[in-house]
Every structure is written in structure tokens, then in C-alpha cells.
N, C-alpha and C. Protein backbone atom coordinates (compact mmCIF):
# COMPACT_ATOMS: atom_id res chain seq x y z
N MET A 1 -22.52 -1.70 -51.09
CA MET A 1 -21.65 -2.73 -51.33
C MET A 1 -21.18 -3.43 -50.07
N PHE A 2 -20.55 -2.69 -49.14
CA PHE A 2 -20.17 -3.20 -47.91
C PHE A 2 -21.06 -2.75 -46.80
N GLN A 3 -21.72 -3.62 -46.19
CA GLN A 3 -22.70 -3.24 -45.13
C GLN A 3 -22.08 -3.70 -43.77
N HIS A 4 -22.12 -2.78 -42.88
CA HIS A 4 -21.59 -3.02 -41.56
C HIS A 4 -22.22 -2.12 -40.54
N ASN A 5 -22.58 -2.57 -39.37
CA ASN A 5 -23.17 -1.76 -38.33
C ASN A 5 -22.12 -1.10 -37.40
N ASP A 6 -20.87 -1.20 -37.77
CA ASP A 6 -19.81 -0.68 -36.95
C ASP A 6 -19.67 0.85 -37.12
N ASN A 7 -20.02 1.58 -36.10
CA ASN A 7 -19.91 3.08 -36.14
C ASN A 7 -18.47 3.50 -36.03
N GLU A 8 -17.55 2.57 -35.89
CA GLU A 8 -16.12 2.88 -35.70
C GLU A 8 -15.59 3.68 -36.83
N PHE A 9 -16.07 3.55 -38.05
CA PHE A 9 -15.60 4.30 -39.20
C PHE A 9 -16.66 5.17 -39.81
N GLU A 10 -17.61 5.54 -39.06
CA GLU A 10 -18.74 6.35 -39.55
C GLU A 10 -18.35 7.64 -40.24
N SER A 11 -17.56 8.53 -39.61
CA SER A 11 -17.20 9.73 -40.34
C SER A 11 -15.87 10.27 -39.79
N SER A 12 -15.08 9.42 -39.22
CA SER A 12 -13.81 9.96 -38.64
C SER A 12 -12.65 9.60 -39.59
N ALA A 13 -11.73 10.59 -39.63
CA ALA A 13 -10.52 10.39 -40.38
C ALA A 13 -9.53 9.56 -39.55
N LEU A 14 -8.67 8.86 -40.18
CA LEU A 14 -7.63 8.02 -39.48
C LEU A 14 -6.71 8.98 -38.72
N PRO A 15 -6.58 8.79 -37.39
CA PRO A 15 -5.61 9.55 -36.63
C PRO A 15 -4.21 9.25 -37.12
N GLU A 16 -3.32 10.26 -37.17
CA GLU A 16 -1.98 10.12 -37.62
C GLU A 16 -1.26 8.99 -36.86
N SER A 17 -1.56 8.89 -35.58
CA SER A 17 -0.91 7.91 -34.72
C SER A 17 -1.20 6.45 -35.11
N LYS A 18 -2.29 6.26 -35.94
CA LYS A 18 -2.67 4.89 -36.36
C LYS A 18 -2.24 4.66 -37.77
N ALA A 19 -1.53 5.54 -38.40
CA ALA A 19 -1.09 5.41 -39.76
C ALA A 19 0.27 4.63 -39.65
N VAL A 20 0.13 3.30 -39.43
CA VAL A 20 1.28 2.42 -39.24
C VAL A 20 1.14 1.22 -40.16
N TYR A 21 2.28 0.61 -40.51
CA TYR A 21 2.28 -0.55 -41.41
C TYR A 21 1.34 -1.70 -40.80
N GLY A 22 0.50 -2.19 -41.63
CA GLY A 22 -0.39 -3.27 -41.25
C GLY A 22 -1.74 -2.85 -40.63
N GLN A 23 -1.90 -1.57 -40.44
CA GLN A 23 -3.17 -1.18 -39.77
C GLN A 23 -4.28 -1.38 -40.68
N PRO A 24 -5.35 -2.18 -40.21
CA PRO A 24 -6.54 -2.29 -41.00
C PRO A 24 -7.33 -0.99 -41.03
N VAL A 25 -7.80 -0.65 -42.29
CA VAL A 25 -8.58 0.55 -42.49
C VAL A 25 -9.67 0.28 -43.43
N VAL A 26 -10.56 1.24 -43.56
CA VAL A 26 -11.60 1.29 -44.52
C VAL A 26 -11.54 2.57 -45.29
N TYR A 27 -11.94 2.58 -46.49
CA TYR A 27 -12.09 3.84 -47.30
C TYR A 27 -13.28 4.57 -46.86
N THR A 28 -13.10 5.90 -46.68
CA THR A 28 -14.25 6.72 -46.28
C THR A 28 -14.54 7.88 -47.22
N GLY A 29 -13.85 7.86 -48.38
CA GLY A 29 -14.03 8.93 -49.32
C GLY A 29 -15.18 8.70 -50.30
N PRO A 30 -15.35 9.52 -51.29
CA PRO A 30 -16.35 9.32 -52.32
C PRO A 30 -16.00 8.17 -53.23
N ASP A 31 -16.97 7.53 -53.85
CA ASP A 31 -16.75 6.44 -54.82
C ASP A 31 -15.77 6.94 -55.87
N SER A 32 -14.80 6.01 -56.17
CA SER A 32 -13.82 6.33 -57.16
C SER A 32 -13.34 5.14 -57.94
N ALA A 33 -13.22 5.28 -59.26
CA ALA A 33 -12.66 4.20 -60.10
C ALA A 33 -11.25 4.58 -60.50
N GLU A 34 -10.71 5.67 -60.00
CA GLU A 34 -9.35 6.10 -60.31
C GLU A 34 -8.32 5.06 -59.83
N GLY A 35 -7.49 4.65 -60.65
CA GLY A 35 -6.50 3.68 -60.24
C GLY A 35 -6.89 2.24 -60.37
N ILE A 36 -8.05 1.95 -60.92
CA ILE A 36 -8.51 0.65 -61.12
C ILE A 36 -8.69 0.44 -62.65
N TYR A 37 -7.81 -0.28 -63.24
CA TYR A 37 -7.79 -0.40 -64.72
C TYR A 37 -8.17 -1.67 -65.34
N SER A 38 -7.94 -2.78 -64.62
CA SER A 38 -8.24 -4.05 -65.21
C SER A 38 -9.76 -4.28 -65.25
N ALA A 39 -10.24 -4.80 -66.40
CA ALA A 39 -11.65 -5.05 -66.55
C ALA A 39 -12.15 -6.19 -65.66
N SER A 40 -11.16 -7.03 -65.21
CA SER A 40 -11.50 -8.18 -64.34
C SER A 40 -11.38 -7.84 -62.87
N ALA A 41 -10.98 -6.55 -62.51
CA ALA A 41 -10.79 -6.25 -61.12
C ALA A 41 -12.18 -6.22 -60.42
N THR A 42 -12.12 -6.67 -59.21
CA THR A 42 -13.33 -6.67 -58.34
C THR A 42 -12.98 -6.07 -56.99
N PRO A 43 -13.56 -5.02 -56.64
CA PRO A 43 -14.60 -4.28 -57.31
C PRO A 43 -13.98 -3.34 -58.45
N ARG A 44 -14.81 -2.79 -59.22
CA ARG A 44 -14.45 -1.83 -60.28
C ARG A 44 -14.37 -0.43 -59.75
N VAL A 45 -15.03 -0.21 -58.61
CA VAL A 45 -15.11 1.14 -58.00
C VAL A 45 -14.74 1.01 -56.55
N LEU A 46 -13.90 1.82 -55.98
CA LEU A 46 -13.55 1.81 -54.58
C LEU A 46 -14.69 2.58 -53.94
N ARG A 47 -15.44 1.92 -52.99
CA ARG A 47 -16.58 2.57 -52.33
C ARG A 47 -16.30 2.70 -50.83
N ARG A 48 -17.06 3.56 -50.20
CA ARG A 48 -16.97 3.81 -48.74
C ARG A 48 -17.18 2.43 -48.07
N GLY A 49 -16.25 2.10 -47.11
CA GLY A 49 -16.37 0.92 -46.37
C GLY A 49 -15.50 -0.24 -46.84
N HIS A 50 -14.78 0.02 -48.02
CA HIS A 50 -13.96 -1.07 -48.58
C HIS A 50 -12.74 -1.24 -47.70
N PRO A 51 -12.36 -2.48 -47.33
CA PRO A 51 -11.27 -2.76 -46.40
C PRO A 51 -9.91 -2.78 -47.10
N GLY A 52 -8.88 -2.46 -46.36
CA GLY A 52 -7.51 -2.61 -46.83
C GLY A 52 -6.59 -2.59 -45.62
N ARG A 53 -5.34 -2.62 -45.89
CA ARG A 53 -4.28 -2.51 -44.82
C ARG A 53 -3.18 -1.51 -45.30
N ILE A 54 -2.68 -0.75 -44.38
CA ILE A 54 -1.66 0.17 -44.75
C ILE A 54 -0.45 -0.56 -45.11
N ALA A 55 0.03 -0.37 -46.31
CA ALA A 55 1.28 -1.05 -46.80
C ALA A 55 2.46 -0.21 -46.71
N ASP A 56 2.32 1.10 -46.73
CA ASP A 56 3.41 2.04 -46.60
C ASP A 56 2.93 3.26 -45.93
N PRO A 57 3.40 3.45 -44.63
CA PRO A 57 2.86 4.61 -43.83
C PRO A 57 3.66 5.91 -44.01
N THR A 58 4.47 6.03 -45.10
CA THR A 58 5.16 7.31 -45.38
C THR A 58 4.15 8.47 -45.31
N PRO A 59 4.40 9.46 -44.44
CA PRO A 59 3.36 10.49 -44.22
C PRO A 59 2.95 11.28 -45.51
N GLN A 60 3.91 11.46 -46.47
CA GLN A 60 3.51 12.15 -47.66
C GLN A 60 2.76 11.31 -48.66
N HIS A 61 2.72 10.03 -48.48
CA HIS A 61 2.11 9.11 -49.47
C HIS A 61 1.71 7.82 -48.81
N ILE A 62 0.72 7.84 -47.92
CA ILE A 62 0.31 6.63 -47.20
C ILE A 62 -0.45 5.74 -48.19
N ARG A 63 0.17 4.57 -48.40
CA ARG A 63 -0.37 3.62 -49.39
C ARG A 63 -1.10 2.48 -48.67
N VAL A 64 -2.24 2.12 -49.31
CA VAL A 64 -3.06 1.10 -48.75
C VAL A 64 -3.30 -0.04 -49.80
N GLU A 65 -3.10 -1.26 -49.38
CA GLU A 65 -3.39 -2.38 -50.21
C GLU A 65 -4.87 -2.83 -49.99
N TRP A 66 -5.65 -2.55 -50.98
CA TRP A 66 -7.09 -2.80 -50.92
C TRP A 66 -7.51 -4.26 -51.20
N VAL A 67 -8.32 -4.87 -50.40
CA VAL A 67 -8.77 -6.24 -50.60
C VAL A 67 -9.34 -6.36 -52.04
N GLY A 68 -8.85 -7.34 -52.81
CA GLY A 68 -9.30 -7.58 -54.12
C GLY A 68 -8.74 -6.77 -55.16
N LEU A 69 -7.94 -5.70 -54.73
CA LEU A 69 -7.39 -4.78 -55.73
C LEU A 69 -5.80 -4.72 -55.56
N GLU A 70 -5.27 -5.73 -55.04
CA GLU A 70 -3.85 -5.82 -54.82
C GLU A 70 -2.93 -5.54 -55.99
N ASN A 71 -3.41 -5.93 -57.20
CA ASN A 71 -2.61 -5.74 -58.47
C ASN A 71 -3.02 -4.49 -59.23
N GLU A 72 -3.78 -3.64 -58.62
CA GLU A 72 -4.29 -2.45 -59.32
C GLU A 72 -3.48 -1.24 -58.76
N PRO A 73 -3.26 -0.26 -59.63
CA PRO A 73 -2.49 0.92 -59.17
C PRO A 73 -3.06 1.65 -57.96
N ILE A 74 -4.33 1.47 -57.72
CA ILE A 74 -4.93 2.07 -56.51
C ILE A 74 -4.31 1.55 -55.25
N SER A 75 -3.75 0.29 -55.33
CA SER A 75 -3.06 -0.35 -54.15
C SER A 75 -1.59 -0.11 -54.16
N PHE A 76 -0.92 0.04 -55.33
CA PHE A 76 0.54 0.15 -55.26
C PHE A 76 1.10 1.52 -55.75
N ALA A 77 0.28 2.43 -56.27
CA ALA A 77 0.74 3.71 -56.73
C ALA A 77 0.01 4.90 -56.15
N ALA A 78 -1.25 4.74 -55.75
CA ALA A 78 -2.04 5.83 -55.25
C ALA A 78 -1.74 5.92 -53.75
N GLY A 79 -1.86 7.07 -53.16
CA GLY A 79 -1.69 7.22 -51.72
C GLY A 79 -2.50 8.34 -51.14
N PHE A 80 -2.45 8.40 -49.84
CA PHE A 80 -3.23 9.36 -49.07
C PHE A 80 -2.18 10.21 -48.38
N VAL A 81 -2.54 11.49 -48.08
CA VAL A 81 -1.64 12.48 -47.41
C VAL A 81 -2.22 12.83 -46.09
N ARG A 82 -1.44 12.78 -45.08
CA ARG A 82 -1.85 13.23 -43.76
C ARG A 82 -2.09 14.73 -43.75
N GLU A 83 -2.98 15.16 -42.96
CA GLU A 83 -3.19 16.60 -42.76
C GLU A 83 -2.87 16.94 -41.26
N ARG A 84 -2.35 18.09 -41.14
CA ARG A 84 -2.01 18.51 -39.77
C ARG A 84 -2.73 19.84 -39.48
N PRO A 85 -3.15 19.95 -38.19
CA PRO A 85 -3.87 21.21 -37.89
C PRO A 85 -2.83 22.46 -38.00
N ASP A 86 -3.38 23.61 -38.12
CA ASP A 86 -2.60 24.82 -38.25
C ASP A 86 -2.03 25.22 -36.89
N ARG A 87 -2.02 24.40 -35.94
CA ARG A 87 -1.44 24.76 -34.67
C ARG A 87 -0.41 23.68 -34.29
N PRO A 88 0.52 23.98 -33.40
CA PRO A 88 1.57 23.06 -32.96
C PRO A 88 0.95 21.88 -32.27
N GLY A 89 1.64 20.81 -32.35
CA GLY A 89 1.26 19.65 -31.67
C GLY A 89 1.36 18.42 -32.50
N PRO A 90 1.27 17.24 -31.82
CA PRO A 90 1.48 15.97 -32.57
C PRO A 90 0.32 15.44 -33.33
N SER A 91 -0.81 16.01 -33.14
CA SER A 91 -2.06 15.40 -33.72
C SER A 91 -2.18 15.83 -35.18
N GLY A 92 -2.61 14.87 -35.95
CA GLY A 92 -2.94 15.04 -37.34
C GLY A 92 -3.90 13.89 -37.74
N TRP A 93 -4.31 13.87 -39.00
CA TRP A 93 -5.22 12.83 -39.43
C TRP A 93 -5.02 12.52 -40.93
N VAL A 94 -5.65 11.47 -41.37
CA VAL A 94 -5.53 11.05 -42.78
C VAL A 94 -6.88 11.02 -43.40
N PRO A 95 -7.36 12.06 -44.13
CA PRO A 95 -8.68 12.06 -44.67
C PRO A 95 -8.84 10.91 -45.68
N GLY A 96 -10.00 10.29 -45.73
CA GLY A 96 -10.31 9.24 -46.71
C GLY A 96 -10.10 7.84 -46.13
N LEU A 97 -9.54 7.70 -44.86
CA LEU A 97 -9.28 6.45 -44.27
C LEU A 97 -9.75 6.51 -42.83
N ALA A 98 -10.23 5.39 -42.36
CA ALA A 98 -10.53 5.21 -40.93
C ALA A 98 -10.07 3.92 -40.45
N ALA A 99 -9.50 3.90 -39.22
CA ALA A 99 -8.94 2.67 -38.60
C ALA A 99 -10.15 1.79 -38.21
N ILE A 100 -9.95 0.54 -38.32
CA ILE A 100 -10.90 -0.48 -37.95
C ILE A 100 -10.23 -1.59 -37.15
N SER A 101 -10.96 -2.43 -36.43
CA SER A 101 -10.39 -3.51 -35.71
C SER A 101 -10.03 -4.65 -36.62
N GLU A 102 -9.17 -5.54 -36.19
CA GLU A 102 -8.82 -6.71 -36.90
C GLU A 102 -10.10 -7.50 -37.26
N GLU A 103 -10.99 -7.66 -36.27
CA GLU A 103 -12.18 -8.45 -36.48
C GLU A 103 -13.13 -7.83 -37.60
N THR A 104 -13.20 -6.51 -37.55
CA THR A 104 -14.00 -5.85 -38.54
C THR A 104 -13.39 -6.03 -39.96
N TYR A 105 -12.01 -5.95 -39.98
CA TYR A 105 -11.33 -6.13 -41.28
C TYR A 105 -11.56 -7.50 -41.77
N GLU A 106 -11.46 -8.51 -40.94
CA GLU A 106 -11.69 -9.88 -41.38
C GLU A 106 -13.11 -10.11 -42.01
N GLU A 107 -14.07 -9.49 -41.27
CA GLU A 107 -15.43 -9.63 -41.73
C GLU A 107 -15.70 -8.94 -43.06
N LEU A 108 -15.18 -7.71 -43.20
CA LEU A 108 -15.30 -7.00 -44.44
C LEU A 108 -14.55 -7.66 -45.60
N ALA A 109 -13.35 -8.17 -45.23
CA ALA A 109 -12.54 -8.84 -46.32
C ALA A 109 -13.28 -10.16 -46.77
N ARG A 110 -13.88 -10.81 -45.87
CA ARG A 110 -14.61 -12.06 -46.32
C ARG A 110 -15.81 -11.61 -47.24
N ASN A 111 -16.50 -10.60 -46.83
CA ASN A 111 -17.63 -10.14 -47.64
C ASN A 111 -17.17 -9.72 -49.00
N ALA A 112 -16.02 -9.01 -49.08
CA ALA A 112 -15.45 -8.53 -50.35
C ALA A 112 -15.05 -9.73 -51.24
N GLU A 113 -14.49 -10.75 -50.65
CA GLU A 113 -14.08 -11.92 -51.45
C GLU A 113 -15.28 -12.72 -51.94
N GLN A 114 -16.38 -12.74 -51.17
CA GLN A 114 -17.57 -13.46 -51.55
C GLN A 114 -18.25 -12.73 -52.71
N GLN A 115 -18.08 -11.39 -52.81
CA GLN A 115 -18.70 -10.63 -53.89
C GLN A 115 -17.90 -10.60 -55.15
N SER A 116 -16.68 -11.22 -55.08
CA SER A 116 -15.78 -11.27 -56.23
C SER A 116 -16.32 -12.28 -57.23
């Protein structure tokens, strides 16, 4: 669905330090239709590489507003949880999300809107 040559989100989880309000991200998890209920929603399945922005960076429930799915529960009710290593220190990550640049976000968002 979303094609991009940017290795920026190839297989890395979002660093905890980038889990901030407004951060552009892409979904890196498995395809999922969970939280997408409207028959008119586009896309009907959240796929790897789909763009969004962090709307709520609360560590226990990091919420992302996904392009084209703003009115679906996947954007306002579902969330991601940060994971921390079993050792002391400030580093942690958010599985299922990867940070992208503003330019990459704009390109992916345009592609998503064209496919709607």
C-alpha cells in the first residue's frame, strides 16, 4: 500500500525520546483491522508504513492519529505502550511505531489521501 525507499523506518522501534506530541510516525506492526469500524474508512486495514502523528504521548497509552482514520477508534482509543529495558537508564522504545521526518510524513500522507 505505502511504498517508500526510506530505510528510516525499516525495522526500528520508536525511541522513547521521540514519543512526543506531533511527532510524525509510521506503523511498523503487522496488518490490523482492529479499531477500524466504518465501512467507508480508508484504509480498512492499518498496514506497515501507514503515516500518523502522535496525538497523546502518555507513556502508558501513546495514541496516534492515523492519516485517513482520524474518526476511527484506532486513532482516538487505541494506543501503544513503551517498553523499557530490564536495566536502569533512560532509554526505552515504542514497538509498532517508527519516527519519520516531516518530509517523509507529508509524502506518505499525500499518497494515503490519493488512495482514498
